[in-house]
Amino acid sequence: MGKKTITQEKCSFCGKPGSLSEIMIPAGDAKTYICVDCVENIHHTLNELGIVIPNSEVKQYGNKNEEEPKETLPTPKEIFDYLNQYVIGQEDAKKYLSVAVYNHYKRINQKTSSKDDVEIEKSNIIMVGPTGTGKTLLAKTIARLLKVPFAIVDATVLTEAGYVGEDIESLLTRLLQASNYNVQEAEKGIVFIDEIDKIARKGDNPSITRDVSGEGVQQGLLKLLEGSIVNVPPQGGRKHPEQPMIAVDTKNILFICGGAFEGIERKIAQRLNTHVVGYSTDPAKQRIERDNLMKHVAPQDLRSFGLIPEIIGRLPILTHLQPLECSTLRRILTEPKNAIIKQYQKMFEMDGVKLIFNEDTLDLIVDKAIEYKLGARGLRSIVETIMVDPMFEVPSMANTKEFIVTKEFALEKMKGSWQ
């Protein structure tokens, strides 16, 4: 209901004219009116007297000590099993995330008492791994399970306050939008900060000149990660004094950071080999698997890469994602609930056509994704290249009930783009 443009009517309770009230609610005789302020005062008084109005949806004046019933928090094992339905491989990362998320929401739901003064601190997460290994998918899947507001933000567009780009606080605007501007819901949400490695400073030493999109952003993120009350512009963008702000407390917002950290393997290799002087007779020390260096990542490697010690300390849970092997990519194509092949089969099924991929066609798609080092994202790009013509033609072919994608057909469609 919009604002009612009436000026002659007055509130029968407080005498306020209709022009000064957002809404004037008429009684049954259409001669008695009540303004919004009086309605709120009546509701507030009834709550103070302990009188509950049935089917009331007005919550802001309810008993603040009365907690709403909470859904049962899934255990780490249940979170892990749910992730297995959507994410193939990355067992270590899924285990770290399951425990961290469970502890975080257990911390939010804890009942504080005067006898117990133990305060559990927030444990934000940082994931290190090559592109296309599932960092964003892990965060999105956990948010879907917990049914909490979730926002993905890109660290590359953030700059220090006063410079061209987005303010650090604007990343919370997307979380507010995801919660329909319900601040209480947003304050229990999850923010995934992607490309965190792109705000690393250029060297291990502090910058002499101002680094507004690197070290400056890291400094600005500290208060958000630690937990503080932040004034957020409701529509995002630049802040200015006349703009109304929304105060958001970030102490219960879980921040998950992810980045490819291209080249960090060299930092890890240097650290692992510093103790080796001269020749070594131990075969284990002579050679460390180059493809498996990421599992040895440590906070000091992140510092060498360019993250400041303060921000590393506020991201205490560090986990890694391994490069995807041939067998893992093959399973990603067909096994998860939202597998790429299942998505295309569903689209063709809507047109009454059964889509079949031959086994050698699937092997070809995986081989090309590994050849171009595109990770799981590359799988969809390749399948899209193969299927664009069938998706264009098949819906117009009334008599087609089945479409088989052979290796020869796939090679023909990939010619030029992927060869």
Protein backbone atom coordinates (compact mmCIF):
# COMPACT_ATOMS: atom_id res chain seq x y z
CA MET A 1 0.00 0.00 0.00
CA GLY A 2 1.49 3.34 -0.97
CA LYS A 3 1.18 6.63 0.82
CA LYS A 4 -2.42 7.77 1.08
CA THR A 5 -2.93 11.32 -0.07
CA ILE A 6 -5.64 12.48 2.33
CA THR A 7 -5.47 15.70 4.28
CA GLN A 8 -8.94 16.21 5.79
CA GLU A 9 -9.00 13.04 7.93
CA LYS A 10 -7.35 12.99 11.35
CA CYS A 11 -6.24 10.11 13.56
CA SER A 12 -9.05 9.47 16.05
CA PHE A 13 -6.48 8.58 18.74
CA CYS A 14 -3.74 11.23 18.58
CA GLY A 15 -5.34 13.83 16.28
CA LYS A 16 -2.50 13.77 13.73
CA PRO A 17 -3.68 14.98 10.29
CA GLY A 18 -3.51 12.56 7.36
CA SER A 19 -0.90 14.68 5.58
CA LEU A 20 1.64 13.94 8.33
CA SER A 21 1.14 10.17 8.42
CA GLU A 22 2.45 7.68 5.91
CA ILE A 23 -0.79 5.66 6.02
CA MET A 24 -4.18 6.36 7.62
CA ILE A 25 -6.10 3.15 8.31
CA PRO A 26 -9.90 3.56 8.21
CA ALA A 27 -12.24 1.73 10.58
CA GLY A 28 -15.41 -0.07 9.46
CA ASP A 29 -17.55 3.09 9.39
CA ALA A 30 -15.00 4.95 7.20
CA LYS A 31 -15.24 7.89 9.63
CA THR A 32 -12.69 6.72 12.19
CA TYR A 33 -9.00 6.59 11.32
CA ILE A 34 -5.81 5.45 13.06
CA CYS A 35 -2.27 6.40 12.02
CA VAL A 36 0.71 4.06 11.75
CA ASP A 37 2.42 5.49 14.84
CA CYS A 38 -0.60 4.67 17.01
CA VAL A 39 -0.75 1.13 15.62
CA GLU A 40 2.89 0.58 16.53
CA ASN A 41 2.40 2.03 20.01
CA ILE A 42 -0.58 -0.26 20.62
CA HIS A 43 1.37 -3.30 19.47
CA HIS A 44 4.30 -2.32 21.69
CA THR A 45 2.02 -1.90 24.72
CA LEU A 46 0.37 -5.28 24.17
CA ASN A 47 3.74 -7.00 24.02
CA GLU A 48 4.87 -5.34 27.25
CA LEU A 49 1.69 -6.65 28.92
CA GLY A 50 2.47 -10.13 27.65
CA ILE A 51 -0.48 -10.28 25.26
CA VAL A 52 0.43 -12.17 22.09
CA ILE A 53 -1.40 -11.25 18.89
CA PRO A 54 -2.11 -14.41 16.82
CA ASN A 55 -0.53 -14.62 13.35
CA SER A 56 1.34 -11.38 13.93
CA GLU A 57 4.21 -10.80 11.56
CA VAL A 58 5.49 -7.70 13.36
CA LYS A 59 8.69 -8.85 15.09
CA GLN A 60 10.59 -5.70 15.97
CA TYR A 61 8.60 -5.07 19.16
CA GLY A 62 8.60 -8.68 20.36
CA ASN A 63 10.29 -9.96 23.47
CA LYS A 64 14.00 -9.72 22.71
CA ASN A 65 14.85 -12.42 25.22
CA GLU A 66 12.59 -14.90 23.42
CA GLU A 67 14.60 -16.75 20.78
CA GLU A 68 13.08 -18.07 17.61
CA PRO A 69 13.35 -21.83 17.16
CA LYS A 70 16.52 -22.65 15.26
CA GLU A 71 16.98 -25.40 12.74
CA THR A 72 19.30 -28.20 13.79
CA LEU A 73 22.87 -27.41 12.75
CA PRO A 74 24.32 -30.20 10.60
CA THR A 75 27.40 -31.94 11.98
CA PRO A 76 30.77 -31.71 10.19
CA LYS A 77 30.24 -35.23 8.82
CA GLU A 78 26.81 -34.25 7.44
CA ILE A 79 28.28 -31.09 5.86
CA PHE A 80 31.07 -33.21 4.34
CA ASP A 81 28.59 -35.74 2.92
CA TYR A 82 26.50 -32.91 1.42
CA LEU A 83 29.58 -31.40 -0.23
CA ASN A 84 30.40 -34.82 -1.71
CA GLN A 85 27.15 -34.69 -3.69
CA TYR A 86 28.26 -31.56 -5.57
CA VAL A 87 32.08 -31.44 -5.35
CA ILE A 88 34.30 -34.28 -6.57
CA GLY A 89 37.70 -34.71 -4.91
CA GLN A 90 39.37 -32.08 -2.70
CA GLU A 91 38.83 -34.20 0.43
CA ASP A 92 41.14 -32.10 2.64
CA ALA A 93 39.49 -28.82 1.68
CA LYS A 94 36.00 -30.23 2.30
CA LYS A 95 37.05 -31.53 5.71
CA TYR A 96 38.59 -28.19 6.76
CA LEU A 97 35.54 -26.27 5.53
CA SER A 98 33.07 -28.61 7.24
CA VAL A 99 34.75 -28.24 10.63
CA ALA A 100 35.25 -24.48 10.27
CA VAL A 101 31.66 -23.75 9.25
CA TYR A 102 30.25 -26.04 11.97
CA ASN A 103 32.34 -24.34 14.66
CA HIS A 104 31.43 -20.89 13.35
CA TYR A 105 27.68 -21.39 13.56
CA LYS A 106 28.02 -23.28 16.84
CA ARG A 107 29.78 -20.16 18.12
CA ILE A 108 26.91 -17.95 16.93
CA ASN A 109 24.31 -20.17 18.62
CA GLN A 110 26.14 -20.50 21.94
CA LYS A 111 24.29 -19.28 25.02
CA THR A 112 26.40 -16.90 27.06
CA SER A 113 26.20 -16.95 30.84
CA SER A 114 27.82 -15.11 33.70
CA LYS A 115 29.51 -18.30 34.93
CA ASP A 116 31.14 -19.04 31.60
CA ASP A 117 33.23 -16.17 30.26
CA VAL A 118 34.95 -18.15 27.49
CA GLU A 119 34.47 -16.28 24.22
CA ILE A 120 35.02 -18.25 21.04
CA GLU A 121 36.74 -16.22 18.35
CA LYS A 122 35.74 -16.23 14.70
CA SER A 123 37.74 -18.43 12.32
CA ASN A 124 37.75 -17.10 8.78
CA ILE A 125 39.03 -19.33 5.99
CA ILE A 126 41.45 -18.92 3.10
CA MET A 127 41.61 -21.42 0.25
CA VAL A 128 44.62 -21.67 -2.04
CA GLY A 129 44.40 -23.56 -5.31
CA PRO A 130 44.65 -23.31 -9.10
CA THR A 131 41.77 -21.87 -11.11
CA GLY A 132 38.87 -24.20 -11.82
CA THR A 133 39.45 -26.51 -8.83
CA GLY A 134 36.20 -25.72 -6.98
CA LYS A 135 36.87 -22.88 -4.52
CA THR A 136 33.73 -20.90 -5.40
CA LEU A 137 31.62 -24.05 -5.71
CA LEU A 138 32.56 -25.18 -2.19
CA ALA A 139 31.50 -21.86 -0.67
CA LYS A 140 28.22 -21.72 -2.65
CA THR A 141 27.33 -25.30 -1.74
CA ILE A 142 27.84 -24.71 1.99
CA ALA A 143 25.70 -21.55 1.88
CA ARG A 144 22.94 -23.52 0.11
CA LEU A 145 23.02 -26.21 2.83
CA LEU A 146 22.86 -23.76 5.73
CA LYS A 147 20.26 -21.54 4.01
CA VAL A 148 22.07 -18.33 4.95
CA PRO A 149 22.65 -15.19 2.85
CA PHE A 150 25.66 -15.65 0.59
CA ALA A 151 27.57 -13.14 -1.52
CA ILE A 152 30.51 -13.50 -3.90
CA VAL A 153 32.70 -10.43 -4.28
CA ASP A 154 35.77 -9.81 -6.40
CA ALA A 155 38.74 -8.31 -4.59
CA THR A 156 40.22 -6.90 -7.80
CA VAL A 157 37.69 -4.02 -8.00
CA LEU A 158 38.32 -2.82 -4.42
CA THR A 159 40.47 0.22 -3.72
CA GLU A 160 41.38 2.24 -0.68
CA ALA A 161 38.77 4.85 0.33
CA GLY A 162 38.92 8.01 -1.78
CA TYR A 163 40.24 6.40 -4.96
CA VAL A 164 38.61 5.21 -8.17
CA GLY A 165 37.03 1.79 -7.60
CA GLU A 166 34.75 0.31 -4.96
CA ASP A 167 35.11 0.95 -1.25
CA ILE A 168 35.88 -2.06 0.92
CA GLU A 169 32.55 -1.66 2.76
CA SER A 170 30.62 -2.04 -0.51
CA LEU A 171 31.25 -5.80 -0.53
CA LEU A 172 28.72 -6.05 2.33
CA THR A 173 26.11 -4.37 0.10
CA ARG A 174 25.77 -7.59 -1.90
CA LEU A 175 25.26 -9.55 1.31
CA LEU A 176 22.48 -7.14 2.29
CA GLN A 177 20.89 -7.56 -1.13
CA ALA A 178 21.06 -11.36 -0.78
CA SER A 179 19.21 -11.10 2.56
CA ASN A 180 16.61 -8.65 1.16
CA TYR A 181 18.13 -5.94 3.38
CA ASN A 182 17.39 -7.91 6.55
CA VAL A 183 20.37 -6.79 8.63
CA GLN A 184 19.96 -9.53 11.25
CA GLU A 185 20.05 -12.21 8.56
CA ALA A 186 22.97 -10.56 6.78
CA GLU A 187 24.99 -10.48 10.00
CA LYS A 188 24.95 -14.30 10.02
CA GLY A 189 25.79 -14.75 6.35
CA ILE A 190 28.81 -15.87 4.37
CA VAL A 191 30.95 -13.64 2.15
CA PHE A 192 33.26 -15.28 -0.38
CA ILE A 193 36.06 -12.91 -1.40
CA ASP A 194 37.43 -14.21 -4.69
CA GLU A 195 40.80 -13.33 -6.23
CA ILE A 196 42.27 -12.44 -2.82
CA ASP A 197 45.72 -13.01 -4.30
CA LYS A 198 45.26 -10.05 -6.69
CA ILE A 199 45.50 -7.55 -3.79
CA ALA A 200 48.92 -8.83 -2.73
CA ARG A 201 51.64 -6.23 -2.56
CA LYS A 202 54.40 -6.47 -5.09
CA GLY A 203 57.23 -7.29 -2.69
CA ASP A 204 57.73 -8.72 0.79
CA ASN A 205 58.67 -5.28 2.11
CA PRO A 206 56.11 -2.53 2.82
CA SER A 207 55.49 -0.25 -0.13
CA ILE A 208 57.21 3.16 -0.13
CA THR A 209 54.47 4.68 -2.29
CA ARG A 210 50.75 4.29 -1.66
CA ASP A 211 49.42 0.97 -2.95
CA VAL A 212 45.70 1.81 -3.16
CA SER A 213 44.51 -1.44 -4.76
CA GLY A 214 46.88 -3.83 -3.01
CA GLU A 215 48.22 -3.24 0.46
CA GLY A 216 45.70 -0.43 1.00
CA VAL A 217 42.80 -2.86 0.43
CA GLN A 218 44.35 -5.40 2.77
CA GLN A 219 44.53 -2.76 5.52
CA GLY A 220 40.89 -1.85 4.91
CA LEU A 221 39.76 -5.49 5.09
CA LEU A 222 41.23 -5.94 8.57
CA LYS A 223 38.28 -4.41 10.45
CA LEU A 224 35.77 -6.43 8.42
CA LEU A 225 37.54 -9.74 8.99
CA GLU A 226 38.15 -9.05 12.69
CA GLY A 227 34.57 -8.03 13.42
CA SER A 228 33.34 -4.48 13.83
CA ILE A 229 30.33 -2.29 13.11
CA VAL A 230 30.64 -0.98 9.56
CA ASN A 231 28.53 1.68 7.83
CA VAL A 232 27.47 0.21 4.50
CA PRO A 233 26.02 2.23 1.58
CA PRO A 234 22.69 0.49 0.81
CA GLN A 235 23.04 0.84 -2.97
CA GLY A 236 26.80 0.26 -3.10
CA GLY A 237 29.16 2.55 -5.00
CA ARG A 238 30.96 5.53 -3.51
CA LYS A 239 30.14 6.88 -0.09
CA HIS A 240 29.24 10.51 0.45
CA PRO A 241 28.13 12.41 3.58
CA GLU A 242 24.50 12.85 2.51
CA GLN A 243 23.97 9.14 1.74
CA PRO A 244 22.05 7.13 4.37
CA MET A 245 24.09 4.25 5.75
CA ILE A 246 23.18 0.84 7.18
CA ALA A 247 25.17 -0.27 10.24
CA VAL A 248 26.29 -3.91 9.90
CA ASP A 249 28.13 -5.84 12.62
CA THR A 250 30.61 -8.22 10.97
CA LYS A 251 31.60 -10.23 14.06
CA ASN A 252 29.30 -13.13 13.05
CA ILE A 253 29.83 -12.94 9.28
CA LEU A 254 31.99 -15.80 8.01
CA PHE A 255 34.55 -14.67 5.44
CA ILE A 256 35.90 -17.28 3.04
CA CYS A 257 38.75 -16.05 0.84
CA GLY A 258 39.99 -17.82 -2.25
CA GLY A 259 42.76 -17.27 -4.74
CA ALA A 260 44.85 -19.07 -7.32
CA PHE A 261 48.11 -17.55 -5.98
CA GLU A 262 49.82 -18.16 -9.30
CA GLY A 263 53.52 -18.78 -8.68
CA ILE A 264 53.28 -19.56 -4.96
CA GLU A 265 54.72 -23.00 -5.72
CA ARG A 266 58.10 -21.32 -6.17
CA LYS A 267 57.83 -19.79 -2.68
CA ILE A 268 56.92 -23.20 -1.24
CA ALA A 269 59.79 -24.92 -3.05
CA GLN A 270 62.29 -22.33 -1.81
CA ARG A 271 61.13 -22.78 1.78
CA LEU A 272 61.19 -26.57 1.64
CA ASN A 273 64.69 -26.64 0.18
CA THR A 274 66.35 -24.08 2.44
CA HIS A 275 67.58 -26.76 4.86
CA VAL A 276 69.36 -28.71 2.11
CA VAL A 277 73.05 -27.85 1.86
CA GLY A 278 75.31 -29.74 -0.53
CA TYR A 279 74.39 -33.24 -1.65
CA SER A 280 71.74 -35.29 0.07
CA THR A 281 71.60 -39.07 0.16
CA ASP A 282 67.96 -39.13 1.26
CA PRO A 283 65.79 -39.68 -1.85
CA ALA A 284 62.84 -38.00 -0.11
CA LYS A 285 64.82 -34.78 0.20
CA GLN A 286 66.30 -34.97 -3.26
CA ARG A 287 62.99 -34.54 -5.01
CA ILE A 288 59.60 -33.26 -3.90
CA GLU A 289 56.65 -33.80 -6.20
CA ARG A 290 56.34 -30.61 -8.20
CA ASP A 291 52.67 -31.23 -8.93
CA ASN A 292 51.93 -31.72 -5.23
CA LEU A 293 53.70 -28.70 -3.74
CA MET A 294 50.41 -26.99 -2.89
CA LYS A 295 49.73 -29.40 -0.02
CA HIS A 296 52.77 -27.93 1.80
CA VAL A 297 51.46 -24.34 1.70
CA ALA A 298 51.94 -22.47 4.98
CA PRO A 299 51.17 -18.93 6.26
CA GLN A 300 54.76 -17.84 5.66
CA ASP A 301 54.31 -18.63 1.96
CA LEU A 302 51.29 -16.29 1.82
CA ARG A 303 53.40 -13.58 3.46
CA SER A 304 56.18 -14.09 0.92
CA PHE A 305 53.58 -13.86 -1.84
CA GLY A 306 52.44 -10.44 -0.65
CA LEU A 307 49.75 -10.74 2.02
CA ILE A 308 50.43 -8.65 5.11
CA PRO A 309 50.88 -10.52 8.44
CA GLU A 310 47.81 -8.82 9.97
CA ILE A 311 45.44 -10.20 7.33
CA ILE A 312 47.01 -13.67 7.49
CA GLY A 313 46.36 -13.67 11.24
CA ARG A 314 42.69 -12.94 10.63
CA LEU A 315 42.44 -15.90 8.23
CA PRO A 316 43.57 -18.64 10.62
CA ILE A 317 42.21 -21.62 8.66
CA LEU A 318 44.38 -22.27 5.61
CA THR A 319 43.50 -25.08 3.23
CA HIS A 320 44.58 -25.99 -0.27
CA LEU A 321 42.96 -27.45 -3.37
CA GLN A 322 44.85 -29.83 -5.59
CA PRO A 323 45.04 -29.54 -9.39
CA LEU A 324 42.37 -31.77 -10.92
CA GLU A 325 43.59 -35.06 -12.34
CA CYS A 326 42.19 -36.87 -15.38
CA SER A 327 40.11 -39.31 -13.31
CA THR A 328 38.69 -36.48 -11.17
CA LEU A 329 37.68 -34.42 -14.20
CA ARG A 330 36.03 -37.50 -15.69
CA ARG A 331 33.92 -37.92 -12.55
CA ILE A 332 33.07 -34.19 -12.46
CA LEU A 333 31.55 -34.52 -15.92
CA THR A 334 28.97 -37.11 -14.92
CA GLU A 335 28.72 -37.83 -11.16
CA PRO A 336 27.65 -34.70 -9.17
CA LYS A 337 23.99 -33.81 -8.80
CA ASN A 338 24.48 -30.81 -11.08
CA ALA A 339 27.05 -32.46 -13.36
CA ILE A 340 27.64 -30.75 -16.70
CA ILE A 341 26.44 -33.72 -18.76
CA LYS A 342 23.30 -34.04 -16.62
CA GLN A 343 22.50 -30.36 -17.24
CA TYR A 344 22.63 -30.78 -21.01
CA GLN A 345 20.65 -34.01 -20.84
CA LYS A 346 17.99 -32.19 -18.82
CA MET A 347 17.77 -29.40 -21.40
CA PHE A 348 17.32 -31.90 -24.24
CA GLU A 349 14.82 -33.87 -22.16
CA MET A 350 12.64 -30.75 -21.99
CA ASP A 351 12.40 -30.96 -25.77
CA GLY A 352 11.58 -34.68 -25.61
CA VAL A 353 15.02 -35.78 -26.83
CA LYS A 354 17.33 -38.27 -25.10
CA LEU A 355 20.95 -37.04 -25.19
CA ILE A 356 23.74 -39.65 -25.06
CA PHE A 357 27.49 -39.03 -24.84
CA ASN A 358 29.75 -41.91 -25.90
CA GLU A 359 32.50 -42.88 -23.46
CA ASP A 360 35.29 -41.92 -25.88
CA THR A 361 33.64 -38.51 -26.32
CA LEU A 362 33.82 -37.90 -22.56
CA ASP A 363 37.48 -38.97 -22.53
CA LEU A 364 38.19 -36.52 -25.37
CA ILE A 365 36.59 -33.63 -23.43
CA VAL A 366 38.68 -34.44 -20.35
CA ASP A 367 41.91 -34.70 -22.36
CA LYS A 368 41.33 -31.28 -23.93
CA ALA A 369 40.60 -29.69 -20.54
CA ILE A 370 43.87 -31.06 -19.16
CA GLU A 371 45.78 -30.03 -22.28
CA TYR A 372 44.70 -26.40 -21.93
CA LYS A 373 44.93 -26.42 -18.08
CA LEU A 374 41.48 -24.90 -17.65
CA GLY A 375 40.28 -27.02 -14.74
CA ALA A 376 36.58 -27.84 -14.29
CA ARG A 377 35.53 -24.57 -15.97
CA GLY A 378 37.18 -25.76 -19.16
CA LEU A 379 34.89 -28.79 -19.27
CA ARG A 380 31.80 -26.64 -19.73
CA SER A 381 33.49 -24.46 -22.36
CA ILE A 382 34.38 -27.54 -24.40
CA VAL A 383 30.94 -29.14 -24.04
CA GLU A 384 29.30 -25.84 -25.02
CA THR A 385 31.43 -25.69 -28.17
CA ILE A 386 30.37 -29.22 -29.10
CA MET A 387 26.68 -28.76 -28.32
CA VAL A 388 25.91 -25.29 -29.69
CA ASP A 389 24.85 -26.59 -33.13
CA PRO A 390 22.73 -29.50 -31.79
CA MET A 391 21.02 -27.14 -29.34
CA PHE A 392 20.23 -24.85 -32.28
CA GLU A 393 18.92 -27.54 -34.62
CA VAL A 394 17.35 -30.32 -32.51
CA PRO A 395 14.39 -28.31 -31.08
CA SER A 396 13.19 -27.76 -34.67
CA MET A 397 13.48 -31.47 -35.59
CA ALA A 398 10.09 -32.87 -34.59
CA ASN A 399 10.87 -36.55 -35.27
CA THR A 400 14.16 -36.66 -33.33
CA LYS A 401 13.86 -38.71 -30.13
CA GLU A 402 17.54 -39.44 -29.49
CA PHE A 403 20.81 -37.63 -30.15
CA ILE A 404 24.19 -39.38 -29.75
CA VAL A 405 27.39 -37.35 -29.43
CA THR A 406 30.23 -39.37 -30.95
CA LYS A 407 33.95 -38.68 -30.75
CA GLU A 408 34.07 -37.87 -34.48
CA PHE A 409 31.20 -35.38 -34.11
CA ALA A 410 32.96 -33.74 -31.13
CA LEU A 411 36.26 -33.44 -33.00
CA GLU A 412 34.50 -31.84 -35.94
CA LYS A 413 32.84 -29.23 -33.74
CA MET A 414 36.06 -28.52 -31.83
CA LYS A 415 38.06 -27.97 -34.99
CA GLY A 416 39.65 -24.54 -34.98
CA SER A 417 38.66 -23.55 -31.46
CA TRP A 418 40.31 -26.37 -29.50
CA GLN A 419 42.92 -27.70 -31.92
